[in-house]
């Protein structure tokens, strides 16, 4: 009897699903990393450290499913690469270095997406948020400039840890099965670049990404 009671609800839910409930797609765009710096001043002298990132390329592959007209779930893998300059200086002893690095980030993310218009609309803005993991790899990318005999960071290091993403975006439907998708996201994670500084930096790493791509529904 319990099965018969819920059968109409199950049939209604199944009937509400369409052939375009699932989607896959990809993005390309630009990644901007946050910077960090620190200065320690004492009676004996002063030390300072910083890292300066440059904009880099980013790419994403994603797939998901519409659970209702207004809520969807999505999984994604994203990659970005940025040039970073780590620097250090001290007054006592008088020493300094500047070392270029290449930062490569690999991120797997699960997200919930809240749409503001139903699936019959041609323009569908959304908010999304989720969590996952990021692997950040730092690799020396050129000869350092050194004054004195400072302790320098390792030529190669990596860090894997949790990451949290917040994003806004919009789907512009081109056909019933394809949409142009734009997204701007911020991913917060641990910061191996700050950890490599002397004195050690204190900020989390923020990864801002502007993405342009396409979603296909089936």
C-alpha atoms as a PDB file:
ATOM      1  CA  UNK A   1       0.000   0.000   0.000  1.00  0.00           C
ATOM      2  CA  UNK A   2       2.868   2.380   0.793  1.00  0.00           C
ATOM      3  CA  UNK A   3       4.325   1.797  -2.687  1.00  0.00           C
ATOM      4  CA  UNK A   4       0.975   2.518  -4.332  1.00  0.00           C
ATOM      5  CA  UNK A   5       0.615   5.708  -2.288  1.00  0.00           C
ATOM      6  CA  UNK A   6       3.908   7.121  -3.580  1.00  0.00           C
ATOM      7  CA  UNK A   7       3.639   5.780  -7.142  1.00  0.00           C
ATOM      8  CA  UNK A   8       1.805   8.856  -8.535  1.00  0.00           C
ATOM      9  CA  UNK A   9       4.484  11.142  -7.076  1.00  0.00           C
ATOM     10  CA  UNK A  10       7.268   9.055  -8.622  1.00  0.00           C
ATOM     11  CA  UNK A  11       5.532   9.040 -12.003  1.00  0.00           C
ATOM     12  CA  UNK A  12       5.016  12.813 -11.832  1.00  0.00           C
ATOM     13  CA  UNK A  13       8.726  13.328 -11.058  1.00  0.00           C
ATOM     14  CA  UNK A  14       9.808  11.010 -13.859  1.00  0.00           C
ATOM     15  CA  UNK A  15       7.477  12.766 -16.262  1.00  0.00           C
ATOM     16  CA  UNK A  16       8.984  16.128 -15.394  1.00  0.00           C
ATOM     17  CA  UNK A  17      12.432  15.015 -16.593  1.00  0.00           C
ATOM     18  CA  UNK A  18      13.370  15.846 -20.179  1.00  0.00           C
ATOM     19  CA  UNK A  19      16.006  14.650 -22.586  1.00  0.00           C
ATOM     20  CA  UNK A  20      18.135  17.656 -21.640  1.00  0.00           C
ATOM     21  CA  UNK A  21      18.491  16.937 -17.925  1.00  0.00           C
ATOM     22  CA  UNK A  22      22.235  16.256 -18.133  1.00  0.00           C
ATOM     23  CA  UNK A  23      24.952  18.545 -19.488  1.00  0.00           C
ATOM     24  CA  UNK A  24      28.659  18.593 -20.281  1.00  0.00           C
ATOM     25  CA  UNK A  25      30.923  21.336 -21.518  1.00  0.00           C
ATOM     26  CA  UNK A  26      34.159  23.221 -21.274  1.00  0.00           C
ATOM     27  CA  UNK A  27      35.650  26.649 -20.557  1.00  0.00           C
ATOM     28  CA  UNK A  28      38.751  28.593 -21.481  1.00  0.00           C
ATOM     29  CA  UNK A  29      39.777  31.841 -19.859  1.00  0.00           C
ATOM     30  CA  UNK A  30      42.133  33.861 -17.674  1.00  0.00           C
ATOM     31  CA  UNK A  31      43.278  33.127 -14.118  1.00  0.00           C
ATOM     32  CA  UNK A  32      44.413  35.824 -11.661  1.00  0.00           C
ATOM     33  CA  UNK A  33      46.104  34.783  -8.406  1.00  0.00           C
ATOM     34  CA  UNK A  34      46.202  36.917  -5.267  1.00  0.00           C
ATOM     35  CA  UNK A  35      49.579  38.145  -4.012  1.00  0.00           C
ATOM     36  CA  UNK A  36      51.111  38.312  -0.555  1.00  0.00           C
ATOM     37  CA  UNK A  37      53.912  40.185   1.255  1.00  0.00           C
ATOM     38  CA  UNK A  38      55.312  40.483   4.755  1.00  0.00           C
ATOM     39  CA  UNK A  39      57.772  42.796   6.536  1.00  0.00           C
ATOM     40  CA  UNK A  40      59.452  42.172   9.906  1.00  0.00           C
ATOM     41  CA  UNK A  41      61.199  45.160  11.544  1.00  0.00           C
ATOM     42  CA  UNK A  42      63.234  44.826  14.748  1.00  0.00           C
ATOM     43  CA  UNK A  43      66.004  46.804  16.475  1.00  0.00           C
ATOM     44  CA  UNK A  44      68.509  44.519  14.733  1.00  0.00           C
ATOM     45  CA  UNK A  45      67.251  45.242  11.214  1.00  0.00           C
ATOM     46  CA  UNK A  46      64.450  44.461   8.792  1.00  0.00           C
ATOM     47  CA  UNK A  47      63.408  41.561   6.568  1.00  0.00           C
ATOM     48  CA  UNK A  48      60.806  41.558   3.814  1.00  0.00           C
ATOM     49  CA  UNK A  49      59.353  38.971   1.463  1.00  0.00           C
ATOM     50  CA  UNK A  50      56.721  38.907  -1.261  1.00  0.00           C
ATOM     51  CA  UNK A  51      55.432  37.041  -4.259  1.00  0.00           C
ATOM     52  CA  UNK A  52      54.005  38.661  -7.370  1.00  0.00           C
ATOM     53  CA  UNK A  53      51.800  36.551  -9.683  1.00  0.00           C
ATOM     54  CA  UNK A  54      50.984  37.225 -13.333  1.00  0.00           C
ATOM     55  CA  UNK A  55      47.761  36.416 -15.154  1.00  0.00           C
ATOM     56  CA  UNK A  56      47.740  32.972 -16.749  1.00  0.00           C
ATOM     57  CA  UNK A  57      45.697  30.611 -18.898  1.00  0.00           C
ATOM     58  CA  UNK A  58      42.959  28.398 -17.442  1.00  0.00           C
ATOM     59  CA  UNK A  59      40.735  25.611 -18.792  1.00  0.00           C
ATOM     60  CA  UNK A  60      37.833  23.596 -17.364  1.00  0.00           C
ATOM     61  CA  UNK A  61      35.878  20.461 -18.232  1.00  0.00           C
ATOM     62  CA  UNK A  62      32.533  20.035 -16.460  1.00  0.00           C
ATOM     63  CA  UNK A  63      29.444  17.864 -16.348  1.00  0.00           C
ATOM     64  CA  UNK A  64      26.254  17.937 -14.341  1.00  0.00           C
ATOM     65  CA  UNK A  65      22.556  17.366 -14.066  1.00  0.00           C
ATOM     66  CA  UNK A  66      19.473  19.544 -13.630  1.00  0.00           C
ATOM     67  CA  UNK A  67      17.527  18.319 -10.590  1.00  0.00           C
ATOM     68  CA  UNK A  68      14.774  20.922 -10.966  1.00  0.00           C
ATOM     69  CA  UNK A  69      14.148  23.983 -13.142  1.00  0.00           C
ATOM     70  CA  UNK A  70      16.119  26.079 -10.670  1.00  0.00           C
ATOM     71  CA  UNK A  71      18.712  23.794  -9.055  1.00  0.00           C
ATOM     72  CA  UNK A  72      21.498  21.741 -10.626  1.00  0.00           C
ATOM     73  CA  UNK A  73      24.614  19.890  -9.510  1.00  0.00           C
ATOM     74  CA  UNK A  74      27.942  19.972 -11.342  1.00  0.00           C
ATOM     75  CA  UNK A  75      31.369  18.374 -11.116  1.00  0.00           C
ATOM     76  CA  UNK A  76      34.426  19.904 -12.755  1.00  0.00           C
ATOM     77  CA  UNK A  77      38.162  19.621 -13.294  1.00  0.00           C
ATOM     78  CA  UNK A  78      40.070  22.867 -13.837  1.00  0.00           C
ATOM     79  CA  UNK A  79      43.677  23.707 -14.659  1.00  0.00           C
ATOM     80  CA  UNK A  80      45.584  26.978 -14.646  1.00  0.00           C
ATOM     81  CA  UNK A  81      49.212  28.064 -14.935  1.00  0.00           C
ATOM     82  CA  UNK A  82      50.671  31.366 -13.728  1.00  0.00           C
ATOM     83  CA  UNK A  83      54.138  32.897 -13.583  1.00  0.00           C
ATOM     84  CA  UNK A  84      55.118  33.973 -10.048  1.00  0.00           C
ATOM     85  CA  UNK A  85      58.108  35.962  -8.777  1.00  0.00           C
ATOM     86  CA  UNK A  86      59.232  35.236  -5.194  1.00  0.00           C
ATOM     87  CA  UNK A  87      61.473  37.853  -3.553  1.00  0.00           C
ATOM     88  CA  UNK A  88      63.296  38.322  -0.264  1.00  0.00           C
ATOM     89  CA  UNK A  89      65.496  41.015   1.237  1.00  0.00           C
ATOM     90  CA  UNK A  90      67.241  41.718   4.534  1.00  0.00           C
ATOM     91  CA  UNK A  91      69.158  44.712   5.925  1.00  0.00           C
ATOM     92  CA  UNK A  92      71.193  42.714   8.474  1.00  0.00           C
ATOM     93  CA  UNK A  93      72.804  40.759   6.992  1.00  0.00           C
ATOM     94  CA  UNK A  94      72.557  42.581   3.670  1.00  0.00           C
ATOM     95  CA  UNK A  95      71.188  39.949   1.290  1.00  0.00           C
ATOM     96  CA  UNK A  96      68.355  39.448  -1.205  1.00  0.00           C
ATOM     97  CA  UNK A  97      67.047  37.215  -3.964  1.00  0.00           C
ATOM     98  CA  UNK A  98      64.394  37.235  -6.689  1.00  0.00           C
ATOM     99  CA  UNK A  99      63.364  33.840  -8.089  1.00  0.00           C
ATOM    100  CA  UNK A 100      60.841  33.240 -10.921  1.00  0.00           C
ATOM    101  CA  UNK A 101      58.541  30.243 -10.512  1.00  0.00           C
ATOM    102  CA  UNK A 102      55.799  28.581 -12.511  1.00  0.00           C
ATOM    103  CA  UNK A 103      52.638  27.741 -10.517  1.00  0.00           C
ATOM    104  CA  UNK A 104      50.371  24.996 -11.885  1.00  0.00           C
ATOM    105  CA  UNK A 105      47.028  24.308 -10.202  1.00  0.00           C
ATOM    106  CA  UNK A 106      44.779  21.251 -10.685  1.00  0.00           C
ATOM    107  CA  UNK A 107      41.354  21.468  -9.041  1.00  0.00           C
ATOM    108  CA  UNK A 108      38.488  18.983  -8.752  1.00  0.00           C
ATOM    109  CA  UNK A 109      35.235  20.540  -7.552  1.00  0.00           C
ATOM    110  CA  UNK A 110      31.634  19.571  -6.771  1.00  0.00           C
ATOM    111  CA  UNK A 111      29.100  22.428  -6.873  1.00  0.00           C
ATOM    112  CA  UNK A 112      25.462  23.264  -6.450  1.00  0.00           C
ATOM    113  CA  UNK A 113      23.986  25.727  -8.987  1.00  0.00           C
ATOM    114  CA  UNK A 114      21.009  27.980  -8.239  1.00  0.00           C
ATOM    115  CA  UNK A 115      19.358  29.349 -11.400  1.00  0.00           C
ATOM    116  CA  UNK A 116      17.108  32.416 -11.359  1.00  0.00           C
ATOM    117  CA  UNK A 117      15.037  31.528 -14.438  1.00  0.00           C
ATOM    118  CA  UNK A 118      13.517  28.238 -15.543  1.00  0.00           C
ATOM    119  CA  UNK A 119      14.820  26.009 -18.339  1.00  0.00           C
ATOM    120  CA  UNK A 120      12.382  27.422 -20.885  1.00  0.00           C
ATOM    121  CA  UNK A 121      14.198  30.773 -20.686  1.00  0.00           C
ATOM    122  CA  UNK A 122      16.871  31.711 -23.205  1.00  0.00           C
ATOM    123  CA  UNK A 123      18.832  33.734 -20.622  1.00  0.00           C
ATOM    124  CA  UNK A 124      19.571  31.920 -17.339  1.00  0.00           C
ATOM    125  CA  UNK A 125      21.803  33.621 -14.723  1.00  0.00           C
ATOM    126  CA  UNK A 126      23.015  31.483 -11.824  1.00  0.00           C
ATOM    127  CA  UNK A 127      25.022  31.361  -8.607  1.00  0.00           C
ATOM    128  CA  UNK A 128      27.113  28.347  -7.666  1.00  0.00           C
ATOM    129  CA  UNK A 129      29.202  27.230  -4.720  1.00  0.00           C
ATOM    130  CA  UNK A 130      31.000  24.069  -3.745  1.00  0.00           C
ATOM    131  CA  UNK A 131      34.137  22.444  -2.431  1.00  0.00           C
ATOM    132  CA  UNK A 132      36.829  20.071  -3.573  1.00  0.00           C
ATOM    133  CA  UNK A 133      40.607  19.698  -3.652  1.00  0.00           C
ATOM    134  CA  UNK A 134      43.449  21.559  -5.334  1.00  0.00           C
ATOM    135  CA  UNK A 135      46.979  20.372  -6.074  1.00  0.00           C
ATOM    136  CA  UNK A 136      49.367  23.305  -6.465  1.00  0.00           C
ATOM    137  CA  UNK A 137      52.804  22.699  -7.948  1.00  0.00           C
ATOM    138  CA  UNK A 138      55.628  25.279  -7.831  1.00  0.00           C
ATOM    139  CA  UNK A 139      58.584  24.863 -10.177  1.00  0.00           C
ATOM    140  CA  UNK A 140      61.555  27.200 -10.562  1.00  0.00           C
ATOM    141  CA  UNK A 141      61.360  28.772 -14.013  1.00  0.00           C
ATOM    142  CA  UNK A 142      64.578  30.646 -14.661  1.00  0.00           C
ATOM    143  CA  UNK A 143      67.796  31.725 -13.003  1.00  0.00           C
ATOM    144  CA  UNK A 144      67.496  33.631  -9.698  1.00  0.00           C
ATOM    145  CA  UNK A 145      69.015  37.038  -9.033  1.00  0.00           C
ATOM    146  CA  UNK A 146      70.944  36.772  -5.752  1.00  0.00           C
ATOM    147  CA  UNK A 147      72.795  39.247  -3.533  1.00  0.00           C
ATOM    148  CA  UNK A 148      74.742  37.834  -0.593  1.00  0.00           C
ATOM    149  CA  UNK A 149      74.040  34.305   0.604  1.00  0.00           C
ATOM    150  CA  UNK A 150      70.311  34.193   1.455  1.00  0.00           C
ATOM    151  CA  UNK A 151      68.451  30.947   2.106  1.00  0.00           C
ATOM    152  CA  UNK A 152      66.304  30.336  -0.984  1.00  0.00           C
ATOM    153  CA  UNK A 153      63.138  28.232  -1.383  1.00  0.00           C
ATOM    154  CA  UNK A 154      63.295  24.759  -2.926  1.00  0.00           C
ATOM    155  CA  UNK A 155      63.272  24.654  -6.722  1.00  0.00           C
ATOM    156  CA  UNK A 156      60.177  22.423  -6.675  1.00  0.00           C
ATOM    157  CA  UNK A 157      57.359  21.969  -4.175  1.00  0.00           C
ATOM    158  CA  UNK A 158      53.708  20.894  -4.189  1.00  0.00           C
ATOM    159  CA  UNK A 159      50.703  21.061  -1.898  1.00  0.00           C
ATOM    160  CA  UNK A 160      47.307  19.295  -1.968  1.00  0.00           C
ATOM    161  CA  UNK A 161      44.433  20.521   0.164  1.00  0.00           C
ATOM    162  CA  UNK A 162      40.771  21.505   0.334  1.00  0.00           C
ATOM    163  CA  UNK A 163      39.398  24.318  -1.799  1.00  0.00           C
ATOM    164  CA  UNK A 164      36.157  26.307  -1.762  1.00  0.00           C
ATOM    165  CA  UNK A 165      34.645  27.984  -4.819  1.00  0.00           C
ATOM    166  CA  UNK A 166      32.048  30.726  -5.281  1.00  0.00           C
ATOM    167  CA  UNK A 167      30.881  31.697  -8.762  1.00  0.00           C
ATOM    168  CA  UNK A 168      28.356  33.702 -10.752  1.00  0.00           C
ATOM    169  CA  UNK A 169      27.508  32.901 -14.333  1.00  0.00           C
ATOM    170  CA  UNK A 170      24.973  32.903 -17.110  1.00  0.00           C
ATOM    171  CA  UNK A 171      23.737  30.471 -19.759  1.00  0.00           C
ATOM    172  CA  UNK A 172      22.712  32.029 -23.084  1.00  0.00           C
ATOM    173  CA  UNK A 173      20.733  29.371 -24.943  1.00  0.00           C
ATOM    174  CA  UNK A 174      21.675  29.095 -28.621  1.00  0.00           C
ATOM    175  CA  UNK A 175      19.537  26.011 -29.316  1.00  0.00           C
ATOM    176  CA  UNK A 176      17.554  23.598 -27.134  1.00  0.00           C
ATOM    177  CA  UNK A 177      20.700  21.532 -26.675  1.00  0.00           C
ATOM    178  CA  UNK A 178      23.520  24.096 -26.575  1.00  0.00           C
ATOM    179  CA  UNK A 179      24.308  27.258 -24.626  1.00  0.00           C
ATOM    180  CA  UNK A 180      27.102  29.787 -24.432  1.00  0.00           C
ATOM    181  CA  UNK A 181      28.185  29.916 -20.787  1.00  0.00           C
ATOM    182  CA  UNK A 182      30.150  32.634 -18.957  1.00  0.00           C
ATOM    183  CA  UNK A 183      31.343  32.335 -15.374  1.00  0.00           C
ATOM    184  CA  UNK A 184      33.410  34.388 -12.939  1.00  0.00           C
ATOM    185  CA  UNK A 185      34.658  32.410  -9.945  1.00  0.00           C
ATOM    186  CA  UNK A 186      36.803  32.775  -6.842  1.00  0.00           C
ATOM    187  CA  UNK A 187      38.485  29.691  -5.377  1.00  0.00           C
ATOM    188  CA  UNK A 188      39.983  29.910  -1.865  1.00  0.00           C
ATOM    189  CA  UNK A 189      42.675  27.423  -0.868  1.00  0.00           C
ATOM    190  CA  UNK A 190      45.944  26.924   1.021  1.00  0.00           C
ATOM    191  CA  UNK A 191      48.916  28.955  -0.190  1.00  0.00           C
ATOM    192  CA  UNK A 192      52.248  27.165  -0.806  1.00  0.00           C
ATOM    193  CA  UNK A 193      53.685  30.383  -2.258  1.00  0.00           C
ATOM    194  CA  UNK A 194      53.177  32.244   1.019  1.00  0.00           C
ATOM    195  CA  UNK A 195      54.571  29.227   2.875  1.00  0.00           C
ATOM    196  CA  UNK A 196      57.737  29.384   0.716  1.00  0.00           C
ATOM    197  CA  UNK A 197      58.456  33.000   1.693  1.00  0.00           C
ATOM    198  CA  UNK A 198      60.929  34.082   4.396  1.00  0.00           C
ATOM    199  CA  UNK A 199      59.445  35.529   6.543  1.00  0.00           C
ATOM    200  CA  UNK A 200      56.411  33.336   5.884  1.00  0.00           C
ATOM    201  CA  UNK A 201      53.320  35.008   4.377  1.00  0.00           C
ATOM    202  CA  UNK A 202      49.944  34.727   6.055  1.00  0.00           C
ATOM    203  CA  UNK A 203      47.250  34.944   3.367  1.00  0.00           C
ATOM    204  CA  UNK A 204      45.196  32.189   1.794  1.00  0.00           C
ATOM    205  CA  UNK A 205      45.478  31.901  -1.984  1.00  0.00           C
ATOM    206  CA  UNK A 206      42.549  33.348  -3.953  1.00  0.00           C
ATOM    207  CA  UNK A 207      42.265  32.172  -7.558  1.00  0.00           C
ATOM    208  CA  UNK A 208      40.009  34.459  -9.645  1.00  0.00           C
ATOM    209  CA  UNK A 209      38.955  32.996 -13.000  1.00  0.00           C
ATOM    210  CA  UNK A 210      37.071  34.485 -15.944  1.00  0.00           C
ATOM    211  CA  UNK A 211      35.706  31.624 -18.062  1.00  0.00           C
ATOM    212  CA  UNK A 212      34.029  31.519 -21.476  1.00  0.00           C
ATOM    213  CA  UNK A 213      32.724  28.303 -23.020  1.00  0.00           C
ATOM    214  CA  UNK A 214      29.811  26.119 -24.047  1.00  0.00           C
ATOM    215  CA  UNK A 215      27.411  23.684 -22.372  1.00  0.00           C
ATOM    216  CA  UNK A 216      25.657  20.862 -24.244  1.00  0.00           C
ATOM    217  CA  UNK A 217      22.465  19.237 -22.955  1.00  0.00           C
ATOM    218  CA  UNK A 218      21.264  15.672 -23.512  1.00  0.00           C
END
